[in-house]
């Protein structure tokens, strides 16, 4: 089965096309690109790690829905935090999105490419 790009062409500042997809479906797997806390207005939400984690996971959920998946289909997340002191608050908000059978996860401290507190990518498994 061929791979399928989810979400159309992405553009950055000035309308330049970005060299990645929101997600790729490859057979029964959906790979969601790293999401950050951009709100509907295209700006980072304010309010600290809890607000940014909430918005970031809302964005992951929206991309999954475009691919016909739910959060319960997520089998692995990779998370980057810009401040290790946010780990506890991040975990509390994150747990609300995966109340049962949470996915496997890696979380690391990193300098992010934009001024966000968190970035999350996900892999979902949803047989066609």
N, C-alpha and C. Protein backbone atom coordinates (compact mmCIF):
# COMPACT_ATOMS: atom_id res chain seq x y z
N UNK A 1 0.84 -1.18 0.00
CA UNK A 1 0.00 0.00 0.00
C UNK A 1 0.88 1.24 0.00
N UNK A 2 0.59 2.22 -0.85
CA UNK A 2 1.41 3.43 -0.91
C UNK A 2 1.18 4.32 0.31
N UNK A 3 2.14 5.17 0.58
CA UNK A 3 1.97 6.12 1.68
C UNK A 3 1.05 7.25 1.23
N UNK A 4 0.39 7.87 2.20
CA UNK A 4 -0.56 8.95 1.92
C UNK A 4 -0.28 10.11 2.85
N UNK A 5 -0.07 11.30 2.29
CA UNK A 5 0.12 12.50 3.10
C UNK A 5 -1.23 12.97 3.62
N UNK A 6 -1.26 13.33 4.88
CA UNK A 6 -2.47 13.81 5.55
C UNK A 6 -2.32 15.31 5.80
N UNK A 7 -3.35 16.08 5.49
CA UNK A 7 -3.37 17.48 5.88
C UNK A 7 -2.99 18.48 4.82
N UNK A 8 -2.73 18.04 3.61
CA UNK A 8 -2.43 18.99 2.54
C UNK A 8 -1.06 19.62 2.68
N UNK A 9 -0.79 20.61 1.85
CA UNK A 9 0.49 21.31 1.85
C UNK A 9 0.54 22.30 3.00
N UNK A 10 1.61 22.26 3.76
CA UNK A 10 1.80 23.19 4.87
C UNK A 10 2.62 24.37 4.38
N UNK A 11 2.30 25.55 4.91
CA UNK A 11 3.07 26.74 4.56
C UNK A 11 3.55 27.43 5.82
N UNK A 12 4.68 28.08 5.69
CA UNK A 12 5.25 28.83 6.81
C UNK A 12 5.05 30.32 6.61
N UNK A 13 5.91 31.09 7.25
CA UNK A 13 5.82 32.54 7.15
C UNK A 13 5.96 32.96 5.69
N UNK A 14 5.15 33.88 5.27
CA UNK A 14 5.19 34.38 3.90
C UNK A 14 4.61 33.43 2.88
N UNK A 15 3.99 32.32 3.34
CA UNK A 15 3.35 31.38 2.43
C UNK A 15 4.28 30.37 1.78
N UNK A 16 5.53 30.35 2.20
CA UNK A 16 6.48 29.39 1.63
C UNK A 16 6.09 27.97 2.05
N UNK A 17 6.12 27.02 1.12
CA UNK A 17 5.78 25.64 1.48
C UNK A 17 6.81 25.04 2.44
N UNK A 18 6.33 24.27 3.39
CA UNK A 18 7.21 23.61 4.36
C UNK A 18 7.52 22.19 3.87
N UNK A 19 8.71 21.69 4.14
CA UNK A 19 9.14 20.40 3.59
C UNK A 19 8.74 19.19 4.44
N UNK A 20 7.53 19.18 4.97
CA UNK A 20 7.04 18.03 5.72
C UNK A 20 5.51 18.02 5.70
N UNK A 21 4.94 16.88 6.05
CA UNK A 21 3.48 16.71 6.11
C UNK A 21 3.02 16.73 7.56
N UNK A 22 1.75 17.09 7.78
CA UNK A 22 1.19 16.98 9.13
C UNK A 22 1.29 15.55 9.62
N UNK A 23 1.00 14.62 8.71
CA UNK A 23 1.07 13.20 9.05
C UNK A 23 1.22 12.40 7.76
N UNK A 24 1.67 11.19 7.91
CA UNK A 24 1.77 10.23 6.82
C UNK A 24 1.10 8.94 7.26
N UNK A 25 0.19 8.44 6.43
CA UNK A 25 -0.35 7.09 6.66
C UNK A 25 0.45 6.15 5.79
N UNK A 26 0.96 5.10 6.42
CA UNK A 26 1.70 4.04 5.72
C UNK A 26 1.07 2.72 6.16
N UNK A 27 0.18 2.21 5.35
CA UNK A 27 -0.55 1.00 5.73
C UNK A 27 -1.43 1.28 6.93
N UNK A 28 -1.26 0.49 7.97
CA UNK A 28 -2.09 0.62 9.17
C UNK A 28 -1.54 1.62 10.19
N UNK A 29 -0.43 2.27 9.86
CA UNK A 29 0.21 3.20 10.78
C UNK A 29 0.06 4.63 10.30
N UNK A 30 -0.12 5.55 11.25
CA UNK A 30 -0.17 6.98 10.98
C UNK A 30 0.92 7.64 11.82
N UNK A 31 1.80 8.37 11.16
CA UNK A 31 2.92 9.06 11.80
C UNK A 31 2.63 10.55 11.80
N UNK A 32 2.39 11.11 12.97
CA UNK A 32 2.05 12.53 13.11
C UNK A 32 3.33 13.32 13.37
N UNK A 33 3.59 14.32 12.53
CA UNK A 33 4.75 15.19 12.73
C UNK A 33 4.65 15.92 14.06
N UNK A 34 5.79 16.36 14.56
CA UNK A 34 5.82 17.09 15.82
C UNK A 34 4.88 18.28 15.80
N UNK A 35 4.07 18.37 16.82
CA UNK A 35 3.11 19.46 16.97
C UNK A 35 3.52 20.32 18.15
N UNK A 36 3.24 21.62 18.03
CA UNK A 36 3.45 22.55 19.12
C UNK A 36 2.12 23.25 19.42
N UNK A 37 2.15 24.18 20.33
CA UNK A 37 0.92 24.78 20.85
C UNK A 37 0.41 25.96 20.04
N UNK A 38 0.36 25.82 18.72
CA UNK A 38 -0.25 26.87 17.91
C UNK A 38 -1.76 26.79 18.04
N UNK A 39 -2.38 27.92 18.36
CA UNK A 39 -3.83 28.00 18.43
C UNK A 39 -4.41 28.21 17.04
N UNK A 40 -5.72 28.36 16.98
CA UNK A 40 -6.42 28.56 15.71
C UNK A 40 -5.95 29.83 15.00
N UNK A 41 -5.44 30.80 15.75
CA UNK A 41 -4.96 32.05 15.16
C UNK A 41 -3.53 31.95 14.64
N UNK A 42 -2.91 30.77 14.78
CA UNK A 42 -1.55 30.57 14.30
C UNK A 42 -0.47 31.05 15.25
N UNK A 43 -0.87 31.49 16.45
CA UNK A 43 0.09 31.96 17.45
C UNK A 43 0.19 30.95 18.58
N UNK A 44 1.36 30.91 19.23
CA UNK A 44 1.53 30.03 20.38
C UNK A 44 0.60 30.48 21.51
N UNK A 45 -0.08 29.53 22.13
CA UNK A 45 -0.93 29.87 23.26
C UNK A 45 -0.05 30.26 24.45
N UNK A 46 -0.57 31.11 25.27
CA UNK A 46 0.14 31.53 26.48
C UNK A 46 -0.42 30.77 27.66
N UNK A 47 0.27 30.83 28.79
CA UNK A 47 -0.24 30.22 29.99
C UNK A 47 0.62 29.12 30.57
N UNK A 48 1.81 28.93 30.07
CA UNK A 48 2.71 27.96 30.67
C UNK A 48 2.58 26.56 30.09
N UNK A 49 3.24 25.62 30.76
CA UNK A 49 3.35 24.26 30.25
C UNK A 49 1.99 23.56 30.17
N UNK A 50 1.10 23.78 31.14
CA UNK A 50 -0.19 23.10 31.09
C UNK A 50 -0.99 23.54 29.86
N UNK A 51 -1.07 24.83 29.64
CA UNK A 51 -1.82 25.35 28.49
C UNK A 51 -1.19 24.91 27.18
N UNK A 52 0.14 24.93 27.12
CA UNK A 52 0.80 24.52 25.88
C UNK A 52 0.69 23.02 25.64
N UNK A 53 0.75 22.22 26.70
CA UNK A 53 0.58 20.77 26.53
C UNK A 53 -0.84 20.47 26.06
N UNK A 54 -1.82 21.12 26.65
CA UNK A 54 -3.22 20.94 26.26
C UNK A 54 -3.41 21.25 24.78
N UNK A 55 -2.91 22.41 24.34
CA UNK A 55 -3.08 22.81 22.94
C UNK A 55 -2.30 21.90 22.01
N UNK A 56 -1.10 21.53 22.40
CA UNK A 56 -0.28 20.64 21.57
C UNK A 56 -0.99 19.31 21.35
N UNK A 57 -1.54 18.73 22.41
CA UNK A 57 -2.25 17.46 22.28
C UNK A 57 -3.58 17.63 21.55
N UNK A 58 -4.21 18.78 21.68
CA UNK A 58 -5.40 19.06 20.86
C UNK A 58 -5.02 19.07 19.38
N UNK A 59 -3.84 19.60 19.07
CA UNK A 59 -3.37 19.63 17.69
C UNK A 59 -3.04 18.23 17.19
N UNK A 60 -2.42 17.41 18.03
CA UNK A 60 -2.16 16.01 17.67
C UNK A 60 -3.50 15.32 17.38
N UNK A 61 -4.46 15.52 18.26
CA UNK A 61 -5.78 14.90 18.10
C UNK A 61 -6.44 15.33 16.79
N UNK A 62 -6.33 16.60 16.43
CA UNK A 62 -6.94 17.10 15.19
C UNK A 62 -6.30 16.44 13.96
N UNK A 63 -4.99 16.28 13.97
CA UNK A 63 -4.31 15.64 12.85
C UNK A 63 -4.73 14.17 12.78
N UNK A 64 -4.79 13.51 13.92
CA UNK A 64 -5.24 12.11 13.94
C UNK A 64 -6.64 11.97 13.37
N UNK A 65 -7.54 12.89 13.72
CA UNK A 65 -8.90 12.85 13.21
C UNK A 65 -8.92 13.00 11.69
N UNK A 66 -8.04 13.85 11.14
CA UNK A 66 -7.94 13.97 9.68
C UNK A 66 -7.57 12.64 9.05
N UNK A 67 -6.83 11.82 9.79
CA UNK A 67 -6.38 10.52 9.29
C UNK A 67 -7.34 9.39 9.66
N UNK A 68 -8.47 9.74 10.29
CA UNK A 68 -9.45 8.72 10.68
C UNK A 68 -9.08 7.97 11.95
N UNK A 69 -8.28 8.60 12.81
CA UNK A 69 -7.83 7.96 14.05
C UNK A 69 -8.30 8.74 15.27
N UNK A 70 -8.15 8.09 16.43
CA UNK A 70 -8.45 8.71 17.72
C UNK A 70 -7.20 8.64 18.59
N UNK A 71 -7.23 9.35 19.69
CA UNK A 71 -6.10 9.30 20.62
C UNK A 71 -5.90 7.88 21.15
N UNK A 72 -6.95 7.12 21.27
CA UNK A 72 -6.82 5.74 21.76
C UNK A 72 -6.10 4.84 20.76
N UNK A 73 -5.89 5.32 19.53
CA UNK A 73 -5.14 4.55 18.53
C UNK A 73 -3.63 4.82 18.62
N UNK A 74 -3.23 5.79 19.42
CA UNK A 74 -1.82 6.15 19.54
C UNK A 74 -1.07 5.05 20.28
N UNK A 75 0.05 4.61 19.68
CA UNK A 75 0.85 3.55 20.30
C UNK A 75 2.20 4.07 20.81
N UNK A 76 2.62 5.25 20.35
CA UNK A 76 3.92 5.80 20.77
C UNK A 76 3.91 7.31 20.61
N UNK A 77 4.42 8.01 21.61
CA UNK A 77 4.64 9.45 21.53
C UNK A 77 6.10 9.74 21.84
N UNK A 78 6.61 10.75 21.19
CA UNK A 78 7.91 11.30 21.55
C UNK A 78 7.66 12.76 21.91
N UNK A 79 8.17 13.16 23.07
CA UNK A 79 7.88 14.49 23.60
C UNK A 79 9.19 15.20 23.93
N UNK A 80 9.23 16.48 23.62
CA UNK A 80 10.38 17.31 23.94
C UNK A 80 9.90 18.46 24.81
N UNK A 81 10.60 18.68 25.92
CA UNK A 81 10.30 19.80 26.83
C UNK A 81 11.49 20.74 26.84
N UNK A 82 11.22 22.03 26.86
CA UNK A 82 12.33 22.98 26.90
C UNK A 82 12.83 23.23 28.32
N UNK A 83 12.10 22.75 29.34
CA UNK A 83 12.49 22.96 30.73
C UNK A 83 12.15 21.70 31.54
N UNK A 84 13.16 21.04 32.08
CA UNK A 84 12.93 19.79 32.81
C UNK A 84 12.06 20.01 34.05
N UNK A 85 12.03 21.21 34.56
CA UNK A 85 11.20 21.50 35.75
C UNK A 85 9.71 21.42 35.44
N UNK A 86 9.35 21.40 34.16
CA UNK A 86 7.94 21.31 33.75
C UNK A 86 7.44 19.87 33.66
N UNK A 87 8.30 18.89 33.91
CA UNK A 87 7.96 17.49 33.67
C UNK A 87 6.71 17.04 34.44
N UNK A 88 6.59 17.37 35.70
CA UNK A 88 5.43 16.95 36.50
C UNK A 88 4.13 17.54 35.99
N UNK A 89 4.11 18.83 35.72
CA UNK A 89 2.90 19.49 35.22
C UNK A 89 2.56 18.98 33.82
N UNK A 90 3.59 18.76 33.00
CA UNK A 90 3.38 18.18 31.68
C UNK A 90 2.70 16.82 31.81
N UNK A 91 3.22 15.96 32.68
CA UNK A 91 2.66 14.61 32.87
C UNK A 91 1.20 14.66 33.28
N UNK A 92 0.86 15.58 34.15
CA UNK A 92 -0.53 15.69 34.64
C UNK A 92 -1.47 16.01 33.48
N UNK A 93 -1.12 16.97 32.64
CA UNK A 93 -1.97 17.32 31.51
C UNK A 93 -1.98 16.21 30.47
N UNK A 94 -0.82 15.65 30.17
CA UNK A 94 -0.68 14.57 29.18
C UNK A 94 -1.57 13.38 29.57
N UNK A 95 -1.56 13.01 30.84
CA UNK A 95 -2.32 11.84 31.31
C UNK A 95 -3.81 11.97 31.02
N UNK A 96 -4.33 13.18 31.01
CA UNK A 96 -5.75 13.39 30.72
C UNK A 96 -6.15 12.98 29.31
N UNK A 97 -5.20 12.93 28.40
CA UNK A 97 -5.49 12.54 27.02
C UNK A 97 -5.42 11.03 26.82
N UNK A 98 -4.83 10.33 27.77
CA UNK A 98 -4.65 8.88 27.66
C UNK A 98 -5.06 8.23 28.99
N UNK A 99 -6.37 8.25 29.30
CA UNK A 99 -6.83 7.77 30.61
C UNK A 99 -6.65 6.26 30.81
N UNK A 100 -6.66 5.49 29.73
CA UNK A 100 -6.44 4.04 29.84
C UNK A 100 -5.44 3.62 28.77
N UNK A 101 -4.69 2.60 29.06
CA UNK A 101 -3.69 2.07 28.13
C UNK A 101 -2.89 3.16 27.43
N UNK A 102 -2.16 3.98 28.20
CA UNK A 102 -1.39 5.05 27.56
C UNK A 102 -0.34 4.46 26.62
N UNK A 103 0.02 5.22 25.60
CA UNK A 103 1.02 4.73 24.64
C UNK A 103 2.41 4.68 25.26
N UNK A 104 3.29 3.95 24.60
CA UNK A 104 4.70 4.04 24.94
C UNK A 104 5.13 5.48 24.71
N UNK A 105 6.17 5.92 25.45
CA UNK A 105 6.54 7.33 25.33
C UNK A 105 8.00 7.53 25.68
N UNK A 106 8.61 8.46 24.98
CA UNK A 106 9.92 8.98 25.33
C UNK A 106 9.77 10.47 25.54
N UNK A 107 10.39 11.00 26.59
CA UNK A 107 10.35 12.44 26.85
C UNK A 107 11.76 12.90 27.14
N UNK A 108 12.18 13.92 26.44
CA UNK A 108 13.54 14.43 26.62
C UNK A 108 13.53 15.94 26.73
N UNK A 109 14.60 16.46 27.28
CA UNK A 109 14.82 17.90 27.35
C UNK A 109 15.55 18.33 26.10
N UNK A 110 15.10 19.41 25.46
CA UNK A 110 15.74 19.89 24.25
C UNK A 110 15.45 21.36 24.03
N UNK A 111 16.36 22.00 23.33
CA UNK A 111 16.08 23.35 22.82
C UNK A 111 15.20 23.16 21.60
N UNK A 112 14.02 23.76 21.61
CA UNK A 112 13.10 23.62 20.49
C UNK A 112 13.39 24.66 19.41
N UNK A 113 12.93 24.37 18.20
CA UNK A 113 13.21 25.24 17.06
C UNK A 113 12.44 26.57 17.12
N UNK A 114 11.34 26.58 17.87
CA UNK A 114 10.60 27.82 18.08
C UNK A 114 10.48 28.04 19.58
N UNK A 115 9.94 29.15 19.99
CA UNK A 115 9.86 29.49 21.41
C UNK A 115 8.65 28.83 22.08
N UNK A 116 8.59 27.50 21.97
CA UNK A 116 7.52 26.73 22.60
C UNK A 116 8.08 25.99 23.80
N UNK A 117 7.19 25.56 24.68
CA UNK A 117 7.61 24.82 25.86
C UNK A 117 7.60 23.31 25.62
N UNK A 118 6.84 22.85 24.61
CA UNK A 118 6.68 21.41 24.39
C UNK A 118 6.43 21.15 22.91
N UNK A 119 6.92 20.00 22.44
CA UNK A 119 6.61 19.50 21.11
C UNK A 119 6.33 18.01 21.26
N UNK A 120 5.33 17.52 20.53
CA UNK A 120 4.94 16.11 20.63
C UNK A 120 4.67 15.55 19.24
N UNK A 121 5.25 14.39 18.97
CA UNK A 121 4.91 13.63 17.77
C UNK A 121 4.28 12.32 18.22
N UNK A 122 3.51 11.71 17.33
CA UNK A 122 2.78 10.49 17.70
C UNK A 122 2.77 9.50 16.55
N UNK A 123 2.67 8.23 16.92
CA UNK A 123 2.46 7.15 15.97
C UNK A 123 1.18 6.45 16.39
N UNK A 124 0.26 6.30 15.44
CA UNK A 124 -1.01 5.61 15.71
C UNK A 124 -1.09 4.35 14.86
N UNK A 125 -1.83 3.39 15.37
CA UNK A 125 -2.07 2.14 14.65
C UNK A 125 -3.57 2.00 14.48
N UNK A 126 -4.03 2.02 13.24
CA UNK A 126 -5.46 1.91 12.93
C UNK A 126 -5.58 1.11 11.65
N UNK A 127 -5.89 -0.20 11.76
CA UNK A 127 -6.01 -1.01 10.54
C UNK A 127 -7.06 -0.44 9.58
N UNK A 128 -6.73 -0.48 8.32
CA UNK A 128 -7.64 0.01 7.28
C UNK A 128 -8.78 -0.96 7.05
